[in-house]
Structures are given as structure tokens and as C-alpha cells.
C-alpha atoms as a PDB file:
ATOM      1  CA  MET A   1      51.742 -62.732-143.176  1.00  0.00           C
ATOM      2  CA  VAL A   2      48.155 -63.782-142.533  1.00  0.00           C
ATOM      3  CA  LYS A   3      46.575 -61.612-139.848  1.00  0.00           C
ATOM      4  CA  VAL A   4      43.671 -63.142-137.948  1.00  0.00           C
ATOM      5  CA  PHE A   5      41.266 -60.910-136.010  1.00  0.00           C
ATOM      6  CA  GLY A   6      38.957 -62.341-133.357  1.00  0.00           C
ATOM      7  CA  ILE A   7      35.905 -60.108-132.983  1.00  0.00           C
ATOM      8  CA  GLY A   8      33.030 -60.099-130.502  1.00  0.00           C
ATOM      9  CA  ASN A   9      31.954 -59.419-126.957  1.00  0.00           C
ATOM     10  CA  ILE A  10      32.702 -62.280-124.559  1.00  0.00           C
ATOM     11  CA  LEU A  11      30.177 -60.831-122.078  1.00  0.00           C
ATOM     12  CA  LEU A  12      27.349 -61.572-124.522  1.00  0.00           C
ATOM     13  CA  LYS A  13      27.358 -65.354-124.632  1.00  0.00           C
ATOM     14  CA  ASP A  14      27.807 -66.585-128.226  1.00  0.00           C
ATOM     15  CA  ASP A  15      28.830 -63.166-129.544  1.00  0.00           C
ATOM     16  CA  GLY A  16      32.305 -63.908-128.141  1.00  0.00           C
ATOM     17  CA  ILE A  17      32.878 -67.009-130.294  1.00  0.00           C
ATOM     18  CA  GLY A  18      35.309 -65.174-132.606  1.00  0.00           C
ATOM     19  CA  VAL A  19      37.407 -64.027-129.644  1.00  0.00           C
ATOM     20  CA  ARG A  20      37.402 -67.488-128.067  1.00  0.00           C
ATOM     21  CA  LEU A  21      38.508 -69.083-131.327  1.00  0.00           C
ATOM     22  CA  ALA A  22      41.218 -66.458-131.832  1.00  0.00           C
ATOM     23  CA  ARG A  23      42.622 -67.045-128.333  1.00  0.00           C
ATOM     24  CA  ASN A  24      42.911 -70.778-128.971  1.00  0.00           C
ATOM     25  CA  ILE A  25      44.397 -70.233-132.421  1.00  0.00           C
ATOM     26  CA  LYS A  26      46.935 -67.775-130.989  1.00  0.00           C
ATOM     27  CA  ARG A  27      48.040 -70.314-128.359  1.00  0.00           C
ATOM     28  CA  ARG A  28      48.541 -72.997-131.001  1.00  0.00           C
ATOM     29  CA  VAL A  29      50.286 -70.700-133.494  1.00  0.00           C
ATOM     30  CA  ASP A  30      52.654 -69.545-130.736  1.00  0.00           C
ATOM     31  CA  LYS A  31      53.248 -73.125-129.522  1.00  0.00           C
ATOM     32  CA  ASP A  32      53.930 -74.381-133.053  1.00  0.00           C
ATOM     33  CA  ASN A  33      56.031 -71.277-133.831  1.00  0.00           C
ATOM     34  CA  ILE A  34      54.120 -70.442-137.029  1.00  0.00           C
ATOM     35  CA  ASN A  35      55.519 -67.014-137.891  1.00  0.00           C
ATOM     36  CA  GLU A  36      53.351 -66.543-140.988  1.00  0.00           C
ATOM     37  CA  ILE A  37      50.170 -66.223-138.896  1.00  0.00           C
ATOM     38  CA  GLU A  38      49.617 -63.359-136.455  1.00  0.00           C
ATOM     39  CA  VAL A  39      46.519 -63.355-134.261  1.00  0.00           C
ATOM     40  CA  PHE A  40      44.860 -60.243-132.833  1.00  0.00           C
ATOM     41  CA  ILE A  41      42.237 -60.323-130.101  1.00  0.00           C
ATOM     42  CA  GLY A  42      40.164 -57.424-131.357  1.00  0.00           C
ATOM     43  CA  GLU A  43      37.005 -57.948-129.313  1.00  0.00           C
ATOM     44  CA  THR A  44      34.956 -54.804-130.116  1.00  0.00           C
ATOM     45  CA  ASP A  45      37.931 -52.457-130.608  1.00  0.00           C
ATOM     46  CA  TYR A  46      37.710 -51.959-134.359  1.00  0.00           C
ATOM     47  CA  LEU A  47      40.123 -49.017-134.362  1.00  0.00           C
ATOM     48  CA  TYR A  48      42.816 -51.248-132.840  1.00  0.00           C
ATOM     49  CA  CYS A  49      42.130 -53.790-135.565  1.00  0.00           C
ATOM     50  CA  LEU A  50      42.173 -51.217-138.376  1.00  0.00           C
ATOM     51  CA  GLU A  51      45.482 -49.806-137.105  1.00  0.00           C
ATOM     52  CA  ASN A  52      46.984 -53.277-137.505  1.00  0.00           C
ATOM     53  CA  ILE A  53      45.806 -53.770-141.089  1.00  0.00           C
ATOM     54  CA  ASN A  54      48.017 -52.408-143.850  1.00  0.00           C
ATOM     55  CA  ASP A  55      47.224 -52.125-147.544  1.00  0.00           C
ATOM     56  CA  ASP A  56      47.759 -55.298-149.569  1.00  0.00           C
ATOM     57  CA  GLU A  57      47.739 -57.556-146.510  1.00  0.00           C
ATOM     58  CA  PHE A  58      45.824 -60.804-146.187  1.00  0.00           C
ATOM     59  CA  ILE A  59      43.443 -60.885-143.234  1.00  0.00           C
ATOM     60  CA  ILE A  60      40.911 -63.241-141.734  1.00  0.00           C
ATOM     61  CA  ILE A  61      38.068 -61.924-139.590  1.00  0.00           C
ATOM     62  CA  LEU A  62      36.490 -64.337-137.091  1.00  0.00           C
ATOM     63  CA  ASP A  63      33.091 -63.177-135.861  1.00  0.00           C
ATOM     64  CA  SER A  64      29.659 -64.403-134.907  1.00  0.00           C
ATOM     65  CA  THR A  65      26.792 -64.407-137.385  1.00  0.00           C
ATOM     66  CA  TYR A  66      23.036 -64.565-137.081  1.00  0.00           C
ATOM     67  CA  PHE A  67      21.779 -65.610-140.502  1.00  0.00           C
ATOM     68  CA  GLY A  68      19.001 -67.850-139.185  1.00  0.00           C
ATOM     69  CA  ILE A  69      20.872 -71.072-139.995  1.00  0.00           C
ATOM     70  CA  ASN A  70      21.932 -73.892-137.665  1.00  0.00           C
ATOM     71  CA  PRO A  71      23.962 -72.718-134.649  1.00  0.00           C
ATOM     72  CA  GLY A  72      27.608 -73.647-135.054  1.00  0.00           C
ATOM     73  CA  LYS A  73      27.461 -73.538-138.860  1.00  0.00           C
ATOM     74  CA  ILE A  74      30.613 -71.931-140.242  1.00  0.00           C
ATOM     75  CA  THR A  75      30.429 -69.498-143.154  1.00  0.00           C
ATOM     76  CA  PHE A  76      33.608 -68.916-145.182  1.00  0.00           C
ATOM     77  CA  LYS A  77      33.495 -65.928-147.542  1.00  0.00           C
ATOM     78  CA  LYS A  78      36.179 -64.015-149.395  1.00  0.00           C
ATOM     79  CA  LEU A  79      36.103 -60.378-148.323  1.00  0.00           C
ATOM     80  CA  GLU A  80      35.039 -59.232-151.775  1.00  0.00           C
ATOM     81  CA  GLU A  81      32.025 -61.564-151.559  1.00  0.00           C
ATOM     82  CA  CYS A  82      30.845 -59.953-148.315  1.00  0.00           C
ATOM     83  CA  ASP A  83      29.397 -56.703-149.619  1.00  0.00           C
ATOM     84  CA  LYS A  84      25.923 -58.282-149.782  1.00  0.00           C
ATOM     85  CA  LEU A  85      26.288 -59.444-146.183  1.00  0.00           C
ATOM     86  CA  ILE A  86      27.239 -55.978-144.994  1.00  0.00           C
ATOM     87  CA  SER A  87      24.033 -54.369-146.204  1.00  0.00           C
ATOM     88  CA  LYS A  88      21.955 -56.876-144.247  1.00  0.00           C
ATOM     89  CA  GLU A  89      24.379 -57.854-141.511  1.00  0.00           C
ATOM     90  CA  ILE A  90      22.899 -58.604-138.156  1.00  0.00           C
ATOM     91  CA  THR A  91      25.390 -58.068-135.375  1.00  0.00           C
ATOM     92  CA  ALA A  92      25.416 -57.048-131.737  1.00  0.00           C
ATOM     93  CA  HIS A  93      27.772 -54.229-132.669  1.00  0.00           C
ATOM     94  CA  GLU A  94      26.669 -50.913-134.161  1.00  0.00           C
ATOM     95  CA  THR A  95      29.046 -51.489-137.047  1.00  0.00           C
ATOM     96  CA  SER A  96      31.426 -54.319-137.812  1.00  0.00           C
ATOM     97  CA  LEU A  97      35.102 -54.728-138.580  1.00  0.00           C
ATOM     98  CA  LEU A  98      34.029 -56.342-141.833  1.00  0.00           C
ATOM     99  CA  SER A  99      32.148 -53.246-143.006  1.00  0.00           C
ATOM    100  CA  LEU A 100      34.984 -50.926-141.930  1.00  0.00           C
ATOM    101  CA  VAL A 101      37.569 -53.001-143.787  1.00  0.00           C
ATOM    102  CA  ARG A 102      35.434 -53.023-146.944  1.00  0.00           C
ATOM    103  CA  LEU A 103      35.042 -49.230-146.738  1.00  0.00           C
ATOM    104  CA  GLU A 104      38.492 -48.135-145.573  1.00  0.00           C
ATOM    105  CA  LYS A 105      40.923 -50.904-146.561  1.00  0.00           C
ATOM    106  CA  THR A 106      39.904 -51.669-150.126  1.00  0.00           C
ATOM    107  CA  ASN A 107      43.307 -53.121-151.103  1.00  0.00           C
ATOM    108  CA  VAL A 108      43.154 -55.793-148.414  1.00  0.00           C
ATOM    109  CA  ASN A 109      42.397 -59.396-149.351  1.00  0.00           C
ATOM    110  CA  GLY A 110      41.218 -62.177-147.121  1.00  0.00           C
ATOM    111  CA  TYR A 111      38.286 -64.032-145.650  1.00  0.00           C
ATOM    112  CA  PHE A 112      35.414 -63.521-143.284  1.00  0.00           C
ATOM    113  CA  ILE A 113      34.734 -66.587-141.169  1.00  0.00           C
ATOM    114  CA  GLY A 114      31.397 -66.392-139.398  1.00  0.00           C
ATOM    115  CA  ILE A 115      30.120 -68.811-136.798  1.00  0.00           C
ATOM    116  CA  GLU A 116      26.356 -68.955-136.473  1.00  0.00           C
ATOM    117  CA  ILE A 117      25.222 -68.220-132.937  1.00  0.00           C
ATOM    118  CA  ASP A 118      22.380 -69.595-130.861  1.00  0.00           C
ATOM    119  CA  SER A 119      21.968 -66.834-128.276  1.00  0.00           C
ATOM    120  CA  ILE A 120      23.122 -63.349-127.336  1.00  0.00           C
ATOM    121  CA  GLU A 121      22.456 -62.471-123.718  1.00  0.00           C
ATOM    122  CA  TYR A 122      24.588 -61.514-120.751  1.00  0.00           C
ATOM    123  CA  SER A 123      26.729 -64.527-119.942  1.00  0.00           C
ATOM    124  CA  LEU A 124      30.411 -65.417-119.894  1.00  0.00           C
ATOM    125  CA  GLU A 125      29.601 -68.900-121.200  1.00  0.00           C
ATOM    126  CA  LEU A 126      28.809 -70.042-124.711  1.00  0.00           C
ATOM    127  CA  SER A 127      25.418 -71.621-125.340  1.00  0.00           C
ATOM    128  CA  ASN A 128      25.243 -75.385-124.825  1.00  0.00           C
ATOM    129  CA  ILE A 129      25.221 -76.079-128.552  1.00  0.00           C
ATOM    130  CA  LEU A 130      28.337 -73.975-129.235  1.00  0.00           C
ATOM    131  CA  GLN A 131      30.097 -75.464-126.212  1.00  0.00           C
ATOM    132  CA  LYS A 132      29.431 -78.953-127.576  1.00  0.00           C
ATOM    133  CA  ARG A 133      30.596 -77.996-131.076  1.00  0.00           C
ATOM    134  CA  PHE A 134      33.495 -75.737-130.054  1.00  0.00           C
ATOM    135  CA  ASN A 135      36.313 -78.237-130.652  1.00  0.00           C
ATOM    136  CA  SER A 136      35.074 -79.220-134.098  1.00  0.00           C
ATOM    137  CA  ILE A 137      34.509 -75.550-135.020  1.00  0.00           C
ATOM    138  CA  TYR A 138      38.006 -74.713-133.784  1.00  0.00           C
ATOM    139  CA  ASP A 139      39.592 -77.589-135.723  1.00  0.00           C
ATOM    140  CA  GLU A 140      37.857 -76.622-138.972  1.00  0.00           C
ATOM    141  CA  VAL A 141      38.707 -72.921-138.639  1.00  0.00           C
ATOM    142  CA  TYR A 142      42.321 -73.586-137.614  1.00  0.00           C
ATOM    143  CA  GLU A 143      42.902 -75.992-140.511  1.00  0.00           C
ATOM    144  CA  PHE A 144      41.427 -73.465-142.948  1.00  0.00           C
ATOM    145  CA  ILE A 145      43.738 -70.699-141.675  1.00  0.00           C
ATOM    146  CA  VAL A 146      46.831 -72.921-141.844  1.00  0.00           C
ATOM    147  CA  LYS A 147      45.860 -74.054-145.355  1.00  0.00           C
ATOM    148  CA  ILE A 148      45.595 -70.420-146.480  1.00  0.00           C
ATOM    149  CA  ALA A 149      48.977 -69.589-144.932  1.00  0.00           C
ATOM    150  CA  LYS A 150      50.543 -72.595-146.682  1.00  0.00           C
ATOM    151  CA  GLU A 151      49.083 -71.555-150.026  1.00  0.00           C
ATOM    152  CA  LEU A 152      50.293 -67.973-149.640  1.00  0.00           C
ATOM    153  CA  TYR A 153      53.726 -68.693-148.182  1.00  0.00           C
ATOM    154  CA  PHE A 154      54.519 -72.200-149.480  1.00  0.00           C
ATOM    155  CA  LEU A 155      54.946 -73.610-145.977  1.00  0.00           C
END
């Protein structure tokens, strides 16, 4: 099973993009009855997420990034390629699920999918640029997740 974790704080504008994507993905996975994909709305509860990750599982972490690139740009990285990101990660959280997984769940494989943000400030809405790009971001992320599940489980 591919486990997808949506991370972020929906009260902080674009920081909630991972959660918003995960909610939409969960609705579609449930509607299409895709049993090989399980979606968790982790928000900022990393302990909840860690408790739902077992050794040798395949996970995908959806979170916001602030790498100084174009807002809405999607970064796809295998977990083992993320160690460089962790040392210089810029996040609204004190730590990240990504860094905890790399430290505590070393037998887990998967991907980090980061969506570049435009703004973090108190707001329940995404920035204009992420609102405009949301559907295309969602489509690209969803197709990537389904492709991974098909490759792993021959769907």
C-alpha cells in the first residue's frame, strides 16, 4: 500500500497546500475505490503520521516548500535524495515529517512532493497564484501517486 501524508497548517495560507491536496486526493481515491492508496491528513501532527508508518512501507509526503523558486513549482524527490534538503529545509514547522522519517524510519521508501509557496501568513485561503494553479498541481500530483501505485502493485 502507498501511504500519502498531507502536511501543513491550513491557518497559514500556502503552508496548508499539502493538506488541501491530500483532502482532494483522499476524496478521489475513495470515490474510485483505489485500495492500494491510503491518505492521511497529518497537518502538523507528526506523531500521528509516524504511528501510521511501518518499516518497509512506501510513503509519499505532501508538504509546502520555500526554495526561492516559482510559486506552484512541484518538486519530486525520492526520500533518500532528501537528506540535503533536510539540513537546509525552510519550513513553518520547528521540524518536519520528512526529517523525522529520515531519522526514525530508515527502512521506509517513498517520495517527498513539495509545492513551492508564495506566502505564509494568517489566512484560510491560498495565495492567488496557488489558487489559480491548484487544479493543475492537483492533477500532476494525483497522476504521479497513481502511477507509483500502479508500478508497485501492477494495477
